Amino acid sequence: MTFRTSGPFPPLILDDVRGAQKMLSGVARTTGMEGSRHLSSLVGAPVHFKCENLQRTGSFKLRGAYVRIAGLSPVERASGVVAASAGNHAQGVALASSLLGVRSTVFMPVGAPLPKVAATREYGAEVRLHGHVVDETLAAAQEYAEETGAVFIHPFDHPDIIAGQGTVGLEILEQCPEVRTIVVGVGGGGLAAGIAVAVKALRPDVKIVGVQAAGAAAFPPSLSAGYPVAVDPVQTMADGIKVGRPGDLTFPLVQELVDEVRTVSEDELSSALLLCLERAKMVVEPAGASPVAALLSDPESFRGPVVAVLSGGNVDPLLMQRVLTHGMVAAGRYLGLRLRLTDRPGALAAMLATLSVADANVLDISHVRTDPRLGLTEAEVELHLETKGPEHCEEVASALRAAGYLVRS
């Protein structure tokens, strides 16, 4: 089966992906498949995680980068390669180049997470920090390629990249032959397009659902228009899929082969990351958790068995801390309250005793006595509590009201 690509490249076929799989033997890991009992119960059918977060370099990006660089001519290899990335593609290019003995230069934004910068250097690339957004970094890398003759390695818009990423699809069919739906995060579209090329050629009945962060969703308007449309991505924690325009090669493949593209909110991404960590014991970056976010947002709409691709696990520890806090809030695990009590000895202790009986954990407390809004005998307390979820939040608030406190959220 042959699928369309635009531009000067020949159409992608299943044999391209199978050839990439042979090339990656002994290089990329055949990552495992893990079941999720929690999501399975929500969907009403088996749900499995395809764990590309456990791939070498921490994401699927090594697959495409290696196939692309391995396909260069001796003259091209001698000129070296250059790439631009905020993280995962950078590490994939760096390791692939080192394995193939090719010199690599990687441009990264000035604000790129330090662990990703350090890892890219450790994999053997020369790292140059330039620009504050990826577009500026990309322009610098392309200018470097023109000046030096180095081969620019695009993060998603090249047949070899797409074929390499498509090997994830072949592994899914081998590991879960009964699969009926594959859910995958979408940025520029390389991973989704590659998986679709492989899976639709062998199992056209399998539904493929792409997922984008709502703040960086270029595919829905592009699919409506019938051609790639550029959007201005707003801030999203899912930097791995924060792409402002679909690729010229990936777009027609997604248009033809991907059955649906959904969007998820920041709250849904946070909750998904938290679920991966707590319930699946998986460290996953927000982009990698986007398929889980889609499953959580509307579980009954997915036909099972379902495979959700956890595309990467390279999350900055500082971002992880913020995202987990955000996820706890989104899941109703934090409760913020203000209440008034009589300003007398033991009043605060009595209020804390009520919270103890309600099994709420106090994270932070602020006790205000001097405020013109307060009466002479009043004090105000602002509390931040850790709870067990939305129902427990209501139980805690009800317990305080029952004890005679005026509670405000």
Protein backbone atom coordinates (compact mmCIF):
# COMPACT_ATOMS: atom_id res chain seq x y z
CA MET A 1 0.00 0.00 0.00
CA THR A 2 1.30 3.42 -0.98
CA PHE A 3 0.59 6.66 0.85
CA ARG A 4 0.96 10.21 -0.44
CA THR A 5 3.72 12.60 0.47
CA SER A 6 4.17 16.03 -1.01
CA GLY A 7 7.33 17.59 -2.35
CA PRO A 8 10.25 15.95 -4.17
CA PHE A 9 10.18 12.70 -2.17
CA PRO A 10 8.67 9.38 -3.29
CA PRO A 11 5.53 8.13 -1.51
CA LEU A 12 6.03 6.31 1.77
CA ILE A 13 5.25 2.61 1.81
CA LEU A 14 5.24 -0.14 4.41
CA ASP A 15 8.56 -1.43 3.09
CA ASP A 16 10.17 1.89 4.08
CA VAL A 17 9.13 1.33 7.69
CA ARG A 18 10.21 -2.30 7.61
CA GLY A 19 13.58 -1.24 6.22
CA ALA A 20 13.90 1.29 9.04
CA GLN A 21 13.11 -1.45 11.55
CA LYS A 22 15.99 -3.58 10.23
CA MET A 23 18.31 -0.57 10.33
CA LEU A 24 17.38 0.10 13.97
CA SER A 25 18.00 -3.48 15.11
CA GLY A 26 20.50 -3.32 17.97
CA VAL A 27 20.24 0.47 18.08
CA ALA A 28 16.75 1.33 19.32
CA ARG A 29 15.10 -0.69 22.03
CA THR A 30 11.92 -2.63 21.40
CA THR A 31 10.16 -0.85 24.23
CA GLY A 32 7.74 -2.69 26.45
CA MET A 33 3.98 -2.68 26.69
CA GLU A 34 2.38 -2.19 30.11
CA GLY A 35 -1.29 -2.59 31.00
CA SER A 36 -3.23 0.05 32.95
CA ARG A 37 -5.95 -1.40 35.17
CA HIS A 38 -7.24 2.05 36.09
CA LEU A 39 -7.70 3.22 32.50
CA SER A 40 -9.00 -0.19 31.47
CA SER A 41 -11.76 0.11 34.04
CA LEU A 42 -12.68 3.57 32.75
CA VAL A 43 -12.65 2.58 29.07
CA GLY A 44 -14.33 -0.78 29.67
CA ALA A 45 -11.63 -2.58 27.65
CA PRO A 46 -7.91 -3.29 27.98
CA VAL A 47 -5.65 -0.24 27.81
CA HIS A 48 -1.90 -0.65 27.30
CA PHE A 49 0.99 1.81 27.40
CA LYS A 50 3.64 1.66 24.68
CA CYS A 51 6.59 2.84 26.75
CA GLU A 52 8.74 4.99 24.47
CA ASN A 53 9.59 6.99 27.59
CA LEU A 54 11.95 4.08 28.29
CA GLN A 55 13.61 4.31 24.86
CA ARG A 56 17.28 5.26 24.63
CA THR A 57 17.59 9.05 25.11
CA GLY A 58 14.17 8.95 26.78
CA SER A 59 11.96 9.28 23.70
CA PHE A 60 11.06 7.85 20.29
CA LYS A 61 13.15 10.52 18.54
CA LEU A 62 16.25 8.31 18.29
CA ARG A 63 14.43 6.08 15.80
CA GLY A 64 13.91 8.71 13.11
CA ALA A 65 17.17 10.53 13.72
CA TYR A 66 19.23 7.35 13.32
CA VAL A 67 17.47 6.28 10.12
CA ARG A 68 17.89 9.77 8.63
CA ILE A 69 21.59 10.09 9.45
CA ALA A 70 22.37 6.49 8.51
CA GLY A 71 20.94 7.22 5.06
CA LEU A 72 23.37 10.07 4.35
CA SER A 73 26.06 9.64 1.70
CA PRO A 74 29.74 9.52 2.74
CA VAL A 75 30.16 13.11 1.48
CA GLU A 76 27.17 14.29 3.51
CA ARG A 77 28.41 12.49 6.63
CA ALA A 78 31.79 14.16 6.27
CA SER A 79 30.06 17.55 6.33
CA GLY A 80 28.41 16.80 9.67
CA VAL A 81 24.81 17.35 10.70
CA VAL A 82 22.96 20.13 12.47
CA ALA A 83 19.63 20.19 14.27
CA ALA A 84 17.48 22.51 16.33
CA SER A 85 15.50 21.30 19.32
CA ALA A 86 14.46 22.10 22.84
CA GLY A 87 15.22 18.58 23.99
CA ASN A 88 14.16 15.18 22.63
CA HIS A 89 15.17 15.60 18.98
CA ALA A 90 18.44 17.13 20.16
CA GLN A 91 19.30 14.05 22.18
CA GLY A 92 18.21 11.69 19.42
CA VAL A 93 20.40 13.42 16.84
CA ALA A 94 23.34 13.59 19.25
CA LEU A 95 23.29 9.87 20.07
CA ALA A 96 22.57 8.76 16.50
CA SER A 97 25.46 10.87 15.21
CA SER A 98 27.83 9.46 17.82
CA LEU A 99 26.85 5.89 16.99
CA LEU A 100 27.45 6.56 13.29
CA GLY A 101 30.65 8.54 13.75
CA VAL A 102 29.19 11.78 12.39
CA ARG A 103 29.95 15.23 13.81
CA SER A 104 26.82 16.93 15.14
CA THR A 105 25.95 20.47 16.15
CA VAL A 106 22.68 21.09 17.96
CA PHE A 107 21.10 24.51 18.46
CA MET A 108 18.93 24.80 21.56
CA PRO A 109 16.94 27.73 22.98
CA VAL A 110 18.66 29.79 25.66
CA GLY A 111 16.02 28.72 28.17
CA ALA A 112 16.22 24.99 27.41
CA PRO A 113 16.15 22.85 30.59
CA LEU A 114 19.68 22.30 31.87
CA PRO A 115 19.31 18.48 32.16
CA LYS A 116 18.41 18.29 28.44
CA VAL A 117 21.33 20.51 27.47
CA ALA A 118 23.72 18.42 29.57
CA ALA A 119 22.39 15.14 28.15
CA THR A 120 22.75 16.38 24.56
CA ARG A 121 26.38 17.29 25.21
CA GLU A 122 27.03 13.95 26.90
CA TYR A 123 25.70 12.14 23.83
CA GLY A 124 28.45 13.84 21.84
CA ALA A 125 26.93 16.92 20.19
CA GLU A 126 28.31 20.44 20.20
CA VAL A 127 25.51 22.48 21.75
CA ARG A 128 24.94 26.12 20.81
CA LEU A 129 22.36 28.10 22.75
CA HIS A 130 20.54 30.59 20.54
CA GLY A 131 17.17 32.31 20.63
CA HIS A 132 14.40 32.29 23.17
CA VAL A 133 11.81 30.41 21.11
CA VAL A 134 12.22 27.35 18.90
CA ASP A 135 11.57 29.32 15.69
CA GLU A 136 14.63 31.50 16.39
CA THR A 137 16.69 28.42 17.20
CA LEU A 138 15.51 26.71 14.02
CA ALA A 139 16.48 29.72 11.89
CA ALA A 140 19.95 29.75 13.44
CA ALA A 141 20.44 26.05 12.70
CA GLN A 142 19.34 26.45 9.09
CA GLU A 143 21.68 29.43 8.65
CA TYR A 144 24.52 27.33 10.07
CA ALA A 145 23.70 24.56 7.59
CA GLU A 146 23.87 27.00 4.66
CA GLU A 147 27.16 28.47 5.84
CA THR A 148 28.97 25.23 6.65
CA GLY A 149 27.39 22.63 4.38
CA ALA A 150 26.22 20.57 7.36
CA VAL A 151 23.08 18.52 6.69
CA PHE A 152 20.04 19.87 8.48
CA ILE A 153 18.14 17.09 10.30
CA HIS A 154 14.50 18.14 10.48
CA PRO A 155 12.67 16.97 13.62
CA PHE A 156 9.71 15.47 11.71
CA ASP A 157 9.33 16.52 8.07
CA HIS A 158 11.45 14.00 6.16
CA PRO A 159 10.57 10.50 4.83
CA ASP A 160 13.42 8.83 6.72
CA ILE A 161 12.34 10.47 9.98
CA ILE A 162 8.73 9.40 9.43
CA ALA A 163 9.76 5.84 8.51
CA GLY A 164 11.92 5.56 11.62
CA GLN A 165 9.12 6.75 13.89
CA GLY A 166 6.78 4.30 12.12
CA THR A 167 8.67 1.39 13.63
CA VAL A 168 6.73 2.12 16.84
CA GLY A 169 3.60 1.09 14.93
CA LEU A 170 5.12 -2.20 13.79
CA GLU A 171 6.07 -3.02 17.38
CA ILE A 172 2.56 -2.23 18.61
CA LEU A 173 1.03 -4.69 16.12
CA GLU A 174 3.55 -7.35 17.13
CA GLN A 175 3.04 -6.83 20.87
CA CYS A 176 -0.73 -6.26 20.86
CA PRO A 177 -2.17 -7.87 17.70
CA GLU A 178 -5.71 -7.44 19.03
CA VAL A 179 -5.38 -3.63 19.23
CA ARG A 180 -8.35 -1.65 17.87
CA THR A 181 -7.32 1.93 18.75
CA ILE A 182 -3.91 3.61 18.95
CA VAL A 183 -3.69 7.00 20.68
CA VAL A 184 -0.61 9.13 20.01
CA GLY A 185 0.51 12.67 20.75
CA VAL A 186 0.90 14.99 17.75
CA GLY A 187 3.26 17.92 17.36
CA GLY A 188 4.62 18.23 13.84
CA GLY A 189 3.09 14.87 13.01
CA GLY A 190 6.13 12.65 12.41
CA LEU A 191 5.27 9.99 14.96
CA ALA A 192 1.56 9.89 14.15
CA ALA A 193 2.23 9.78 10.40
CA GLY A 194 4.83 7.02 10.72
CA ILE A 195 2.64 4.87 12.95
CA ALA A 196 -0.29 5.41 10.59
CA VAL A 197 1.71 4.37 7.50
CA ALA A 198 2.73 1.12 9.16
CA VAL A 199 -0.52 0.26 10.91
CA LYS A 200 -3.00 1.19 8.18
CA ALA A 201 -1.07 -0.89 5.63
CA LEU A 202 -1.38 -3.99 7.80
CA ARG A 203 -4.52 -3.29 9.83
CA PRO A 204 -6.74 -0.68 8.17
CA ASP A 205 -9.44 -1.44 10.76
CA VAL A 206 -7.33 0.01 13.60
CA LYS A 207 -8.43 3.52 14.55
CA ILE A 208 -5.64 6.04 15.07
CA VAL A 209 -6.38 9.03 17.28
CA GLY A 210 -3.96 11.95 17.44
CA VAL A 211 -3.82 14.26 20.47
CA GLN A 212 -2.63 17.86 20.60
CA ALA A 213 -2.32 20.34 23.45
CA ALA A 214 -5.15 22.84 23.09
CA GLY A 215 -2.64 25.68 23.33
CA ALA A 216 -0.62 24.41 20.35
CA ALA A 217 -3.19 22.73 18.13
CA ALA A 218 -2.28 23.41 14.50
CA PHE A 219 -3.77 20.24 13.04
CA PRO A 220 -7.50 20.85 13.65
CA PRO A 221 -7.58 24.14 11.67
CA SER A 222 -5.24 22.65 9.06
CA LEU A 223 -7.48 19.62 8.57
CA SER A 224 -10.49 21.91 8.25
CA ALA A 225 -8.69 24.06 5.67
CA GLY A 226 -7.22 21.12 3.78
CA TYR A 227 -3.64 22.38 3.96
CA PRO A 228 -1.06 23.19 6.68
CA VAL A 229 -2.07 26.26 8.65
CA ALA A 230 0.30 28.08 11.01
CA VAL A 231 -0.91 29.04 14.47
CA ASP A 232 0.81 30.97 17.24
CA PRO A 233 1.25 28.42 20.03
CA VAL A 234 0.42 29.84 23.44
CA GLN A 235 2.12 28.63 26.56
CA THR A 236 1.74 24.91 27.14
CA MET A 237 3.61 22.57 29.43
CA ALA A 238 3.75 20.01 26.61
CA ASP A 239 6.82 21.43 24.89
CA GLY A 240 7.40 18.15 23.04
CA ILE A 241 4.28 18.76 20.92
CA LYS A 242 4.38 22.56 20.87
CA VAL A 243 4.63 23.01 17.10
CA GLY A 244 3.03 25.92 15.27
CA ARG A 245 2.53 24.30 11.85
CA PRO A 246 2.14 20.75 10.51
CA GLY A 247 4.87 19.50 8.21
CA ASP A 248 4.42 19.55 4.45
CA LEU A 249 5.12 15.80 4.38
CA THR A 250 3.40 14.81 7.59
CA PHE A 251 0.18 16.73 6.96
CA PRO A 252 -1.12 14.72 3.98
CA LEU A 253 -0.30 11.47 5.77
CA VAL A 254 -2.16 12.52 8.90
CA GLN A 255 -5.00 13.83 6.75
CA GLU A 256 -5.28 10.52 4.89
CA LEU A 257 -4.54 8.00 7.60
CA VAL A 258 -5.21 9.40 11.08
CA ASP A 259 -8.89 8.99 11.89
CA GLU A 260 -9.22 11.83 14.38
CA VAL A 261 -7.21 14.56 16.10
CA ARG A 262 -8.36 15.67 19.56
CA THR A 263 -7.14 18.41 21.90
CA VAL A 264 -6.55 18.31 25.65
CA SER A 265 -6.29 21.11 28.20
CA GLU A 266 -3.43 21.92 30.57
CA ASP A 267 -5.48 20.59 33.50
CA GLU A 268 -6.03 17.32 31.64
CA LEU A 269 -2.31 17.04 30.85
CA SER A 270 -1.44 17.62 34.51
CA SER A 271 -3.91 15.00 35.69
CA ALA A 272 -2.57 12.53 33.13
CA LEU A 273 1.04 13.04 34.19
CA LEU A 274 0.02 12.56 37.81
CA LEU A 275 -1.83 9.35 36.96
CA CYS A 276 1.19 7.98 35.07
CA LEU A 277 3.41 8.62 38.06
CA GLU A 278 1.06 7.45 40.80
CA ARG A 279 -0.80 4.57 39.18
CA ALA A 280 1.55 3.33 36.44
CA LYS A 281 4.87 4.24 38.14
CA MET A 282 5.94 5.88 34.89
CA VAL A 283 7.93 9.11 34.60
CA VAL A 284 6.40 10.74 31.53
CA GLU A 285 6.75 14.25 30.16
CA PRO A 286 3.55 16.22 29.47
CA ALA A 287 3.69 15.59 25.70
CA GLY A 288 4.09 11.88 26.38
CA ALA A 289 1.09 11.93 28.69
CA SER A 290 -1.20 13.56 26.12
CA PRO A 291 -2.76 10.24 25.00
CA VAL A 292 -3.54 9.45 28.64
CA ALA A 293 -5.13 12.89 28.99
CA ALA A 294 -7.40 12.14 26.03
CA LEU A 295 -8.41 8.80 27.54
CA LEU A 296 -9.20 10.41 30.89
CA SER A 297 -11.24 13.19 29.31
CA ASP A 298 -13.62 10.89 27.41
CA PRO A 299 -12.85 7.23 28.17
CA GLU A 300 -16.08 5.76 26.82
CA SER A 301 -15.43 7.10 23.31
CA PHE A 302 -12.47 4.77 22.72
CA ARG A 303 -12.89 1.30 21.25
CA GLY A 304 -10.66 -1.22 22.96
CA PRO A 305 -8.18 -2.74 23.25
CA VAL A 306 -6.39 0.62 23.27
CA VAL A 307 -2.65 1.34 23.05
CA ALA A 308 -1.56 4.76 24.31
CA VAL A 309 1.94 5.76 23.18
CA LEU A 310 3.95 7.31 26.02
CA SER A 311 6.27 9.09 23.62
CA GLY A 312 8.83 10.53 26.05
CA GLY A 313 10.00 10.79 29.62
CA ASN A 314 12.44 13.70 29.50
CA VAL A 315 10.77 16.02 31.96
CA ASP A 316 12.68 18.81 33.69
CA PRO A 317 12.58 18.25 37.50
CA LEU A 318 11.47 21.84 38.09
CA LEU A 319 8.66 21.47 35.57
CA MET A 320 7.75 18.13 37.13
CA GLN A 321 7.36 19.81 40.50
CA ARG A 322 5.08 22.51 39.06
CA VAL A 323 3.10 20.06 36.93
CA LEU A 324 2.52 17.67 39.81
CA THR A 325 1.23 20.53 41.94
CA HIS A 326 -1.02 21.61 39.08
CA GLY A 327 -2.17 18.03 38.61
CA MET A 328 -3.00 17.70 42.30
CA VAL A 329 -5.11 20.85 42.09
CA ALA A 330 -6.83 19.67 38.89
CA ALA A 331 -7.58 16.32 40.52
CA GLY A 332 -9.14 18.01 43.56
CA ARG A 333 -6.32 16.91 45.84
CA TYR A 334 -5.63 20.42 47.15
CA LEU A 335 -8.17 22.59 48.93
CA GLY A 336 -7.78 26.29 49.68
CA LEU A 337 -10.06 27.80 52.34
CA ARG A 338 -10.48 30.94 54.38
CA LEU A 339 -12.43 30.90 57.60
CA ARG A 340 -13.04 33.10 60.60
CA LEU A 341 -12.81 32.10 64.21
CA THR A 342 -12.97 33.72 67.62
CA ASP A 343 -9.62 35.23 68.62
CA ARG A 344 -9.07 33.44 71.92
CA PRO A 345 -6.44 31.03 73.28
CA GLY A 346 -6.94 27.51 71.91
CA ALA A 347 -9.21 28.55 69.00
CA LEU A 348 -6.61 27.70 66.35
CA ALA A 349 -5.83 24.37 68.02
CA ALA A 350 -9.53 23.50 68.08
CA MET A 351 -9.87 24.26 64.37
CA LEU A 352 -6.82 22.10 63.59
CA ALA A 353 -8.33 19.30 65.65
CA THR A 354 -11.44 19.43 63.47
CA LEU A 355 -9.24 19.09 60.40
CA SER A 356 -7.42 16.18 61.98
CA VAL A 357 -10.67 14.32 62.57
CA ALA A 358 -11.62 15.03 58.93
CA ASP A 359 -8.25 13.49 57.90
CA ALA A 360 -7.06 16.60 55.99
CA ASN A 361 -3.36 17.38 55.89
CA VAL A 362 -2.41 21.04 56.43
CA LEU A 363 0.20 22.18 53.90
CA ASP A 364 0.21 25.88 54.73
CA ILE A 365 -1.55 28.14 57.19
CA SER A 366 -1.77 31.92 57.56
CA HIS A 367 -3.26 33.42 60.75
CA VAL A 368 -4.38 37.08 60.47
CA ARG A 369 -5.50 39.09 63.51
CA THR A 370 -5.00 42.69 62.37
CA ASP A 371 -7.29 43.54 59.48
CA PRO A 372 -9.92 46.33 59.33
CA ARG A 373 -12.42 43.82 57.96
CA LEU A 374 -12.25 41.77 61.17
CA GLY A 375 -14.20 42.40 64.33
CA LEU A 376 -12.46 43.02 67.64
CA THR A 377 -12.75 39.38 68.66
CA GLU A 378 -12.20 37.79 65.23
CA ALA A 379 -9.24 36.26 63.46
CA GLU A 380 -9.02 34.96 59.90
CA VAL A 381 -7.19 31.81 58.87
CA GLU A 382 -6.18 30.93 55.31
CA LEU A 383 -5.51 27.24 54.80
CA HIS A 384 -4.06 25.09 52.05
CA LEU A 385 -4.92 21.44 52.59
CA GLU A 386 -4.03 18.15 50.96
CA THR A 387 -7.09 15.95 50.50
CA LYS A 388 -8.06 12.64 48.92
CA GLY A 389 -10.10 14.11 46.11
CA PRO A 390 -13.21 16.21 45.33
CA GLU A 391 -15.54 14.22 47.61
CA HIS A 392 -13.11 14.53 50.51
CA CYS A 393 -12.84 18.29 49.86
CA GLU A 394 -16.57 18.64 50.40
CA GLU A 395 -16.42 16.44 53.51
CA VAL A 396 -13.69 18.66 55.01
CA ALA A 397 -15.62 21.86 54.27
CA SER A 398 -18.80 20.34 55.72
CA ALA A 399 -16.97 19.28 58.88
CA LEU A 400 -15.72 22.83 59.41
CA ARG A 401 -19.17 24.31 58.87
CA ALA A 402 -20.66 21.77 61.26
CA ALA A 403 -18.16 22.90 63.88
CA GLY A 404 -19.49 26.45 63.54
CA TYR A 405 -16.88 28.03 61.26
CA LEU A 406 -17.71 30.45 58.47
CA VAL A 407 -15.96 28.88 55.49
CA ARG A 408 -15.03 30.66 52.27
CA SER A 409 -13.23 29.19 49.28
